[in-house]
């Protein structure tokens, strides 16, 4: 765990950001008394994609949606 924290600190230091493992573990929003907006919300999310083309029929449409 300490190695992970050290690597994360090094990674964000290169990007000019601040890394605090206590707030990073619990969420994607960090708190600063001087900043009260949502500029610090992380906008990258994992995507779950289901490929069920083998179990359902594909209906192609040439009409605009």
PDB file of N, CA and C in Angstrom:
ATOM      1  N   UNK A   1       0.823  -1.189   0.000  1.00  0.00           N
ATOM      2  CA  UNK A   1       0.000   0.000   0.000  1.00  0.00           C
ATOM      3  C   UNK A   1       0.869   1.255   0.000  1.00  0.00           C
ATOM      4  N   UNK A   2       1.951   1.239   0.792  1.00  0.00           N
ATOM      5  CA  UNK A   2       2.823   2.411   0.838  1.00  0.00           C
ATOM      6  C   UNK A   2       3.496   2.655  -0.509  1.00  0.00           C
ATOM      7  N   UNK A   3       3.843   1.576  -1.199  1.00  0.00           N
ATOM      8  CA  UNK A   3       4.444   1.712  -2.528  1.00  0.00           C
ATOM      9  C   UNK A   3       3.445   2.328  -3.504  1.00  0.00           C
ATOM     10  N   UNK A   4       2.182   1.910  -3.428  1.00  0.00           N
ATOM     11  CA  UNK A   4       1.135   2.470  -4.284  1.00  0.00           C
ATOM     12  C   UNK A   4       0.958   3.961  -4.020  1.00  0.00           C
ATOM     13  N   UNK A   5       0.908   4.342  -2.751  1.00  0.00           N
ATOM     14  CA  UNK A   5       0.753   5.756  -2.393  1.00  0.00           C
ATOM     15  C   UNK A   5       1.944   6.556  -2.917  1.00  0.00           C
ATOM     16  N   UNK A   6       3.149   6.012  -2.776  1.00  0.00           N
ATOM     17  CA  UNK A   6       4.338   6.713  -3.256  1.00  0.00           C
ATOM     18  C   UNK A   6       4.282   6.890  -4.773  1.00  0.00           C
ATOM     19  N   UNK A   7       3.869   5.848  -5.496  1.00  0.00           N
ATOM     20  CA  UNK A   7       3.775   5.943  -6.952  1.00  0.00           C
ATOM     21  C   UNK A   7       2.708   6.937  -7.388  1.00  0.00           C
ATOM     22  N   UNK A   8       1.570   6.958  -6.700  1.00  0.00           N
ATOM     23  CA  UNK A   8       0.515   7.917  -7.032  1.00  0.00           C
ATOM     24  C   UNK A   8       0.969   9.347  -6.761  1.00  0.00           C
ATOM     25  N   UNK A   9       1.669   9.568  -5.659  1.00  0.00           N
ATOM     26  CA  UNK A   9       2.190  10.906  -5.361  1.00  0.00           C
ATOM     27  C   UNK A   9       3.159  11.356  -6.445  1.00  0.00           C
ATOM     28  N   UNK A  10       4.009  10.447  -6.887  1.00  0.00           N
ATOM     29  CA  UNK A  10       4.969  10.780  -7.940  1.00  0.00           C
ATOM     30  C   UNK A  10       4.255  11.097  -9.252  1.00  0.00           C
ATOM     31  N   UNK A  11       3.221  10.323  -9.570  1.00  0.00           N
ATOM     32  CA  UNK A  11       2.485  10.528 -10.816  1.00  0.00           C
ATOM     33  C   UNK A  11       1.787  11.886 -10.834  1.00  0.00           C
ATOM     34  N   UNK A  12       1.115  12.245  -9.757  1.00  0.00           N
ATOM     35  CA  UNK A  12       0.400  13.522  -9.740  1.00  0.00           C
ATOM     36  C   UNK A  12       1.356  14.694  -9.582  1.00  0.00           C
ATOM     37  N   UNK A  13       2.518  14.472  -8.972  1.00  0.00           N
ATOM     38  CA  UNK A  13       3.509  15.545  -8.859  1.00  0.00           C
ATOM     39  C   UNK A  13       3.997  15.943 -10.250  1.00  0.00           C
ATOM     40  N   UNK A  14       4.156  14.957 -11.128  1.00  0.00           N
ATOM     41  CA  UNK A  14       4.581  15.250 -12.494  1.00  0.00           C
ATOM     42  C   UNK A  14       3.515  16.031 -13.246  1.00  0.00           C
ATOM     43  N   UNK A  15       2.247  15.844 -12.913  1.00  0.00           N
ATOM     44  CA  UNK A  15       1.159  16.563 -13.571  1.00  0.00           C
ATOM     45  C   UNK A  15       0.849  17.889 -12.888  1.00  0.00           C
ATOM     46  N   UNK A  16       1.493  18.189 -11.771  1.00  0.00           N
ATOM     47  CA  UNK A  16       1.256  19.445 -11.069  1.00  0.00           C
ATOM     48  C   UNK A  16       0.003  19.429 -10.225  1.00  0.00           C
ATOM     49  N   UNK A  17      -0.457  18.262  -9.807  1.00  0.00           N
ATOM     50  CA  UNK A  17      -1.651  18.149  -8.985  1.00  0.00           C
ATOM     51  C   UNK A  17      -1.255  17.819  -7.550  1.00  0.00           C
ATOM     52  N   UNK A  18      -2.249  17.745  -6.671  1.00  0.00           N
ATOM     53  CA  UNK A  18      -2.017  17.395  -5.273  1.00  0.00           C
ATOM     54  C   UNK A  18      -2.655  16.042  -5.014  1.00  0.00           C
ATOM     55  N   UNK A  19      -1.925  15.128  -4.382  1.00  0.00           N
ATOM     56  CA  UNK A  19      -2.449  13.795  -4.080  1.00  0.00           C
ATOM     57  C   UNK A  19      -2.540  13.621  -2.577  1.00  0.00           C
ATOM     58  N   UNK A  20      -3.720  13.286  -2.100  1.00  0.00           N
ATOM     59  CA  UNK A  20      -3.933  13.027  -0.678  1.00  0.00           C
ATOM     60  C   UNK A  20      -4.623  11.677  -0.573  1.00  0.00           C
ATOM     61  N   UNK A  21      -3.905  10.660  -0.103  1.00  0.00           N
ATOM     62  CA  UNK A  21      -4.442   9.302  -0.115  1.00  0.00           C
ATOM     63  C   UNK A  21      -5.665   9.155   0.764  1.00  0.00           C
ATOM     64  N   UNK A  22      -5.813   9.975   1.805  1.00  0.00           N
ATOM     65  CA  UNK A  22      -6.974   9.840   2.688  1.00  0.00           C
ATOM     66  C   UNK A  22      -8.262  10.211   1.966  1.00  0.00           C
ATOM     67  N   UNK A  23      -8.249  11.256   1.163  1.00  0.00           N
ATOM     68  CA  UNK A  23      -9.458  11.631   0.433  1.00  0.00           C
ATOM     69  C   UNK A  23      -9.603  10.833  -0.850  1.00  0.00           C
ATOM     70  N   UNK A  24      -8.518  10.377  -1.423  1.00  0.00           N
ATOM     71  CA  UNK A  24      -8.584   9.615  -2.662  1.00  0.00           C
ATOM     72  C   UNK A  24      -9.231   8.258  -2.446  1.00  0.00           C
ATOM     73  N   UNK A  25      -9.020   7.659  -1.295  1.00  0.00           N
ATOM     74  CA  UNK A  25      -9.592   6.341  -1.038  1.00  0.00           C
ATOM     75  C   UNK A  25     -11.111   6.376  -0.960  1.00  0.00           C
ATOM     76  N   UNK A  26     -11.685   7.485  -0.547  1.00  0.00           N
ATOM     77  CA  UNK A  26     -13.109   7.522  -0.263  1.00  0.00           C
ATOM     78  C   UNK A  26     -13.954   8.147  -1.353  1.00  0.00           C
ATOM     79  N   UNK A  27     -13.383   8.833  -2.304  1.00  0.00           N
ATOM     80  CA  UNK A  27     -14.216   9.429  -3.325  1.00  0.00           C
ATOM     81  C   UNK A  27     -13.407  10.160  -4.366  1.00  0.00           C
ATOM     82  N   UNK A  28     -14.103  10.782  -5.290  1.00  0.00           N
ATOM     83  CA  UNK A  28     -13.458  11.474  -6.383  1.00  0.00           C
ATOM     84  C   UNK A  28     -13.486  12.987  -6.222  1.00  0.00           C
ATOM     85  N   UNK A  29     -14.041  13.490  -5.131  1.00  0.00           N
ATOM     86  CA  UNK A  29     -14.093  14.923  -4.881  1.00  0.00           C
ATOM     87  C   UNK A  29     -13.204  15.227  -3.690  1.00  0.00           C
ATOM     88  N   UNK A  30     -12.265  16.153  -3.865  1.00  0.00           N
ATOM     89  CA  UNK A  30     -11.442  16.560  -2.734  1.00  0.00           C
ATOM     90  C   UNK A  30     -11.957  17.883  -2.212  1.00  0.00           C
ATOM     91  N   UNK A  31     -11.683  18.156  -0.967  1.00  0.00           N
ATOM     92  CA  UNK A  31     -12.219  19.343  -0.321  1.00  0.00           C
ATOM     93  C   UNK A  31     -11.099  20.317  -0.024  1.00  0.00           C
ATOM     94  N   UNK A  32     -11.317  21.570  -0.326  1.00  0.00           N
ATOM     95  CA  UNK A  32     -10.397  22.645   0.004  1.00  0.00           C
ATOM     96  C   UNK A  32     -11.248  23.795   0.524  1.00  0.00           C
ATOM     97  N   UNK A  33     -10.830  24.411   1.614  1.00  0.00           N
ATOM     98  CA  UNK A  33     -11.634  25.473   2.216  1.00  0.00           C
ATOM     99  C   UNK A  33     -11.789  26.668   1.289  1.00  0.00           C
ATOM    100  N   UNK A  34     -10.847  26.877   0.380  1.00  0.00           N
ATOM    101  CA  UNK A  34     -10.907  28.018  -0.526  1.00  0.00           C
ATOM    102  C   UNK A  34     -11.677  27.722  -1.808  1.00  0.00           C
ATOM    103  N   UNK A  35     -11.909  26.463  -2.106  1.00  0.00           N
ATOM    104  CA  UNK A  35     -12.587  26.091  -3.350  1.00  0.00           C
ATOM    105  C   UNK A  35     -13.867  25.348  -2.996  1.00  0.00           C
ATOM    106  N   UNK A  36     -15.012  25.900  -3.382  1.00  0.00           N
ATOM    107  CA  UNK A  36     -16.299  25.282  -3.051  1.00  0.00           C
ATOM    108  C   UNK A  36     -17.101  24.989  -4.318  1.00  0.00           C
ATOM    109  N   UNK A  37     -16.438  24.537  -5.335  1.00  0.00           N
ATOM    110  CA  UNK A  37     -17.152  24.169  -6.552  1.00  0.00           C
ATOM    111  C   UNK A  37     -16.776  22.742  -6.932  1.00  0.00           C
ATOM    112  N   UNK A  38     -17.250  22.305  -8.064  1.00  0.00           N
ATOM    113  CA  UNK A  38     -17.047  20.913  -8.465  1.00  0.00           C
ATOM    114  C   UNK A  38     -15.996  20.781  -9.562  1.00  0.00           C
ATOM    115  N   UNK A  39     -15.024  21.693  -9.599  1.00  0.00           N
ATOM    116  CA  UNK A  39     -13.958  21.570 -10.594  1.00  0.00           C
ATOM    117  C   UNK A  39     -13.103  20.340 -10.350  1.00  0.00           C
ATOM    118  N   UNK A  40     -13.127  19.824  -9.136  1.00  0.00           N
ATOM    119  CA  UNK A  40     -12.260  18.701  -8.809  1.00  0.00           C
ATOM    120  C   UNK A  40     -12.935  17.349  -8.991  1.00  0.00           C
ATOM    121  N   UNK A  41     -14.133  17.318  -9.555  1.00  0.00           N
ATOM    122  CA  UNK A  41     -14.828  16.045  -9.764  1.00  0.00           C
ATOM    123  C   UNK A  41     -14.138  15.293 -10.892  1.00  0.00           C
ATOM    124  N   UNK A  42     -13.816  14.058 -10.629  1.00  0.00           N
ATOM    125  CA  UNK A  42     -13.198  13.231 -11.655  1.00  0.00           C
ATOM    126  C   UNK A  42     -14.262  12.859 -12.674  1.00  0.00           C
ATOM    127  N   UNK A  43     -13.967  13.048 -13.946  1.00  0.00           N
ATOM    128  CA  UNK A  43     -14.971  12.817 -14.987  1.00  0.00           C
ATOM    129  C   UNK A  43     -14.752  11.517 -15.741  1.00  0.00           C
ATOM    130  N   UNK A  44     -13.781  10.723 -15.350  1.00  0.00           N
ATOM    131  CA  UNK A  44     -13.557   9.460 -16.034  1.00  0.00           C
ATOM    132  C   UNK A  44     -14.245   8.339 -15.269  1.00  0.00           C
ATOM    133  N   UNK A  45     -15.067   7.569 -15.959  1.00  0.00           N
ATOM    134  CA  UNK A  45     -15.782   6.471 -15.338  1.00  0.00           C
ATOM    135  C   UNK A  45     -15.560   5.210 -16.160  1.00  0.00           C
ATOM    136  N   UNK A  46     -15.602   4.090 -15.509  1.00  0.00           N
ATOM    137  CA  UNK A  46     -15.518   2.819 -16.213  1.00  0.00           C
ATOM    138  C   UNK A  46     -16.817   2.553 -16.955  1.00  0.00           C
ATOM    139  N   UNK A  47     -16.731   1.894 -18.058  1.00  0.00           N
ATOM    140  CA  UNK A  47     -17.917   1.562 -18.835  1.00  0.00           C
ATOM    141  C   UNK A  47     -18.079   0.050 -18.880  1.00  0.00           C
ATOM    142  N   UNK A  48     -19.305  -0.397 -18.722  1.00  0.00           N
ATOM    143  CA  UNK A  48     -19.623  -1.814 -18.850  1.00  0.00           C
ATOM    144  C   UNK A  48     -20.407  -1.971 -20.145  1.00  0.00           C
ATOM    145  N   UNK A  49     -19.883  -2.768 -21.043  1.00  0.00           N
ATOM    146  CA  UNK A  49     -20.502  -2.940 -22.350  1.00  0.00           C
ATOM    147  C   UNK A  49     -20.904  -4.397 -22.489  1.00  0.00           C
ATOM    148  N   UNK A  50     -22.165  -4.603 -22.839  1.00  0.00           N
ATOM    149  CA  UNK A  50     -22.663  -5.953 -23.053  1.00  0.00           C
ATOM    150  C   UNK A  50     -22.755  -6.204 -24.551  1.00  0.00           C
ATOM    151  N   UNK A  51     -22.141  -7.267 -25.004  1.00  0.00           N
ATOM    152  CA  UNK A  51     -22.198  -7.634 -26.408  1.00  0.00           C
ATOM    153  C   UNK A  51     -23.110  -8.850 -26.517  1.00  0.00           C
ATOM    154  N   UNK A  52     -24.382  -8.595 -26.779  1.00  0.00           N
ATOM    155  CA  UNK A  52     -25.336  -9.695 -26.858  1.00  0.00           C
ATOM    156  C   UNK A  52     -25.814  -9.914 -28.292  1.00  0.00           C
ATOM    157  N   UNK A  53     -24.948  -9.661 -29.266  1.00  0.00           N
ATOM    158  CA  UNK A  53     -25.347  -9.869 -30.658  1.00  0.00           C
ATOM    159  C   UNK A  53     -25.529 -11.340 -30.981  1.00  0.00           C
ATOM    160  N   UNK A  54     -24.971 -12.210 -30.171  1.00  0.00           N
ATOM    161  CA  UNK A  54     -25.145 -13.637 -30.416  1.00  0.00           C
ATOM    162  C   UNK A  54     -26.519 -14.124 -29.962  1.00  0.00           C
ATOM    163  N   UNK A  55     -27.141 -13.396 -29.039  1.00  0.00           N
ATOM    164  CA  UNK A  55     -28.418 -13.847 -28.493  1.00  0.00           C
ATOM    165  C   UNK A  55     -29.609 -13.058 -29.007  1.00  0.00           C
ATOM    166  N   UNK A  56     -29.381 -11.961 -29.709  1.00  0.00           N
ATOM    167  CA  UNK A  56     -30.505 -11.167 -30.196  1.00  0.00           C
ATOM    168  C   UNK A  56     -30.319 -10.864 -31.676  1.00  0.00           C
ATOM    169  N   UNK A  57     -31.424 -10.530 -32.313  1.00  0.00           N
ATOM    170  CA  UNK A  57     -31.376 -10.212 -33.730  1.00  0.00           C
ATOM    171  C   UNK A  57     -30.984  -8.749 -33.909  1.00  0.00           C
ATOM    172  N   UNK A  58     -30.218  -8.510 -34.954  1.00  0.00           N
ATOM    173  CA  UNK A  58     -29.782  -7.153 -35.245  1.00  0.00           C
ATOM    174  C   UNK A  58     -30.708  -6.581 -36.305  1.00  0.00           C
ATOM    175  N   UNK A  59     -31.306  -5.430 -36.022  1.00  0.00           N
ATOM    176  CA  UNK A  59     -32.180  -4.765 -36.978  1.00  0.00           C
ATOM    177  C   UNK A  59     -31.514  -3.455 -37.389  1.00  0.00           C
ATOM    178  N   UNK A  60     -31.035  -3.389 -38.627  1.00  0.00           N
ATOM    179  CA  UNK A  60     -30.389  -2.185 -39.118  1.00  0.00           C
ATOM    180  C   UNK A  60     -31.428  -1.250 -39.697  1.00  0.00           C
ATOM    181  N   UNK A  61     -31.244   0.036 -39.466  1.00  0.00           N
ATOM    182  CA  UNK A  61     -32.174   1.030 -39.965  1.00  0.00           C
ATOM    183  C   UNK A  61     -31.397   2.101 -40.707  1.00  0.00           C
ATOM    184  N   UNK A  62     -31.914   2.517 -41.853  1.00  0.00           N
ATOM    185  CA  UNK A  62     -31.282   3.581 -42.633  1.00  0.00           C
ATOM    186  C   UNK A  62     -31.902   4.934 -42.332  1.00  0.00           C
ATOM    187  N   UNK A  63     -32.906   4.968 -41.476  1.00  0.00           N
ATOM    188  CA  UNK A  63     -33.577   6.216 -41.149  1.00  0.00           C
ATOM    189  C   UNK A  63     -32.790   6.969 -40.083  1.00  0.00           C
ATOM    190  N   UNK A  64     -32.746   8.314 -40.190  1.00  0.00           N
ATOM    191  CA  UNK A  64     -32.047   9.087 -39.161  1.00  0.00           C
ATOM    192  C   UNK A  64     -32.791   9.016 -37.833  1.00  0.00           C
ATOM    193  N   UNK A  65     -32.048   9.066 -36.771  1.00  0.00           N
ATOM    194  CA  UNK A  65     -32.676   9.008 -35.444  1.00  0.00           C
ATOM    195  C   UNK A  65     -32.702  10.359 -34.798  1.00  0.00           C
TER     196      UNK A  65
END
